[in-house]
Structure formats: structure tokens, C-alpha cells
């Protein structure tokens, strides 16, 4: 068993640093969208209308099916919901 430490679960799970970074960003966006649904007390059908997607797509989001979502789709959904997305780029440690 390895004693290697990781900064994120994605760093441990993904094969490359690039994939880990993508998964980190996707998970943050998915959580923000799920929080928006809860905060606004939207049904999945209402959220689908707001996000400009289908209800089954919102179901996938709520169920955390991260592998079904790309960054572009999540950013588009956030923008459709009136959310502002910012990104910071820092030098890796």
C-alpha cells in the first residue's frame, strides 16, 4: 500500500494531470448547478427549462454522472441559469 498523498481525489483517480484538472472543474460546476436547483427549489423539469437541456440530462447532473458532462456543456448550463463562472489559472506546485 502506497503512502503517497494527493491534493484531490481526482489527482489520485485520474491517469493524467490534465484529466484530473478537467474533473476538478467539472465537479465544481456540477455542484454549483445542483446547489442552484436546490436554492431555487426547482423541479428537474423546471431546471431543464432554465438550463436549456432535457429533464433526463438534469437527472444525470443531480445523480452526479460526471462522465456524461463536458466543461462546455456545464458552463453553458450555468450561464443559462444566470450564474457567472470564473476560472483562475495558477502554476502547479
Protein backbone atom coordinates (compact mmCIF):
# COMPACT_ATOMS: atom_id res chain seq x y z
CA UNK A 1 0.00 0.00 0.00
CA UNK A 2 1.36 3.39 -1.00
CA UNK A 3 1.71 6.33 1.39
CA UNK A 4 1.52 8.79 -1.48
CA UNK A 5 -0.55 11.91 -0.70
CA UNK A 6 -2.76 13.69 -3.22
CA UNK A 7 -4.22 17.21 -3.20
CA UNK A 8 -7.51 15.96 -4.60
CA UNK A 9 -9.32 12.69 -5.08
CA UNK A 10 -9.14 13.41 -8.81
CA UNK A 11 -5.35 13.54 -8.64
CA UNK A 12 -5.45 10.04 -7.21
CA UNK A 13 -8.04 8.64 -9.61
CA UNK A 14 -7.14 10.10 -12.98
CA UNK A 15 -4.32 8.86 -15.20
CA UNK A 16 -3.01 12.29 -16.18
CA UNK A 17 -2.78 15.72 -14.53
CA UNK A 18 -4.82 17.15 -17.42
CA UNK A 19 -7.71 14.76 -16.78
CA UNK A 20 -7.55 15.45 -13.04
CA UNK A 21 -7.81 19.20 -13.68
CA UNK A 22 -10.77 18.70 -16.01
CA UNK A 23 -12.57 16.55 -13.45
CA UNK A 24 -11.96 19.12 -10.71
CA UNK A 25 -13.52 21.88 -12.81
CA UNK A 26 -16.42 19.70 -13.90
CA UNK A 27 -17.18 18.65 -10.33
CA UNK A 28 -17.20 22.26 -9.09
CA UNK A 29 -19.59 23.27 -11.88
CA UNK A 30 -21.87 20.30 -11.24
CA UNK A 31 -22.05 21.09 -7.53
CA UNK A 32 -22.84 24.74 -8.29
CA UNK A 33 -25.66 23.72 -10.63
CA UNK A 34 -27.06 21.26 -8.10
CA UNK A 35 -26.90 23.98 -5.42
CA UNK A 36 -28.73 26.36 -7.77
CA UNK A 37 -31.50 23.81 -8.30
CA UNK A 38 -31.89 23.35 -4.53
CA UNK A 39 -31.63 27.07 -3.70
CA UNK A 40 -34.26 27.99 -6.29
CA UNK A 41 -36.38 24.95 -5.35
CA UNK A 42 -36.63 23.87 -8.97
CA UNK A 43 -38.03 20.56 -10.11
CA UNK A 44 -35.91 18.68 -12.60
CA UNK A 45 -38.30 19.76 -15.38
CA UNK A 46 -38.05 23.40 -14.33
CA UNK A 47 -34.26 23.18 -14.10
CA UNK A 48 -34.15 21.63 -17.57
CA UNK A 49 -36.09 24.57 -18.96
CA UNK A 50 -33.81 27.07 -17.21
CA UNK A 51 -30.61 25.28 -18.28
CA UNK A 52 -31.81 24.67 -21.84
CA UNK A 53 -31.48 20.89 -21.62
CA UNK A 54 -33.77 17.89 -21.22
CA UNK A 55 -35.09 16.60 -17.90
CA UNK A 56 -33.10 13.35 -18.23
CA UNK A 57 -29.96 15.50 -18.62
CA UNK A 58 -30.77 17.25 -15.32
CA UNK A 59 -31.35 13.84 -13.74
CA UNK A 60 -27.84 12.82 -14.83
CA UNK A 61 -26.48 16.03 -13.31
CA UNK A 62 -28.29 15.58 -9.99
CA UNK A 63 -27.15 11.95 -9.82
CA UNK A 64 -23.54 13.05 -10.26
CA UNK A 65 -22.84 11.34 -13.57
CA UNK A 66 -19.79 13.50 -14.16
CA UNK A 67 -18.51 11.39 -17.05
CA UNK A 68 -21.53 12.47 -19.13
CA UNK A 69 -20.70 16.19 -18.97
CA UNK A 70 -18.01 18.23 -20.64
CA UNK A 71 -16.86 21.62 -19.43
CA UNK A 72 -18.57 23.44 -22.30
CA UNK A 73 -21.96 21.91 -21.50
CA UNK A 74 -21.68 22.74 -17.81
CA UNK A 75 -20.57 26.33 -18.47
CA UNK A 76 -23.47 26.75 -20.91
CA UNK A 77 -25.93 25.44 -18.33
CA UNK A 78 -24.54 27.76 -15.66
CA UNK A 79 -24.75 30.77 -17.97
CA UNK A 80 -28.33 29.89 -18.93
CA UNK A 81 -29.17 29.86 -15.22
CA UNK A 82 -27.71 33.33 -14.79
CA UNK A 83 -24.63 32.12 -12.96
CA UNK A 84 -21.23 33.73 -13.53
CA UNK A 85 -18.34 31.34 -13.99
CA UNK A 86 -14.77 32.43 -13.28
CA UNK A 87 -11.58 30.48 -13.72
CA UNK A 88 -8.13 31.04 -12.24
CA UNK A 89 -5.00 29.59 -13.72
CA UNK A 90 -2.11 29.09 -11.33
CA UNK A 91 1.29 27.49 -11.66
CA UNK A 92 1.20 23.89 -10.44
CA UNK A 93 3.01 23.14 -7.19
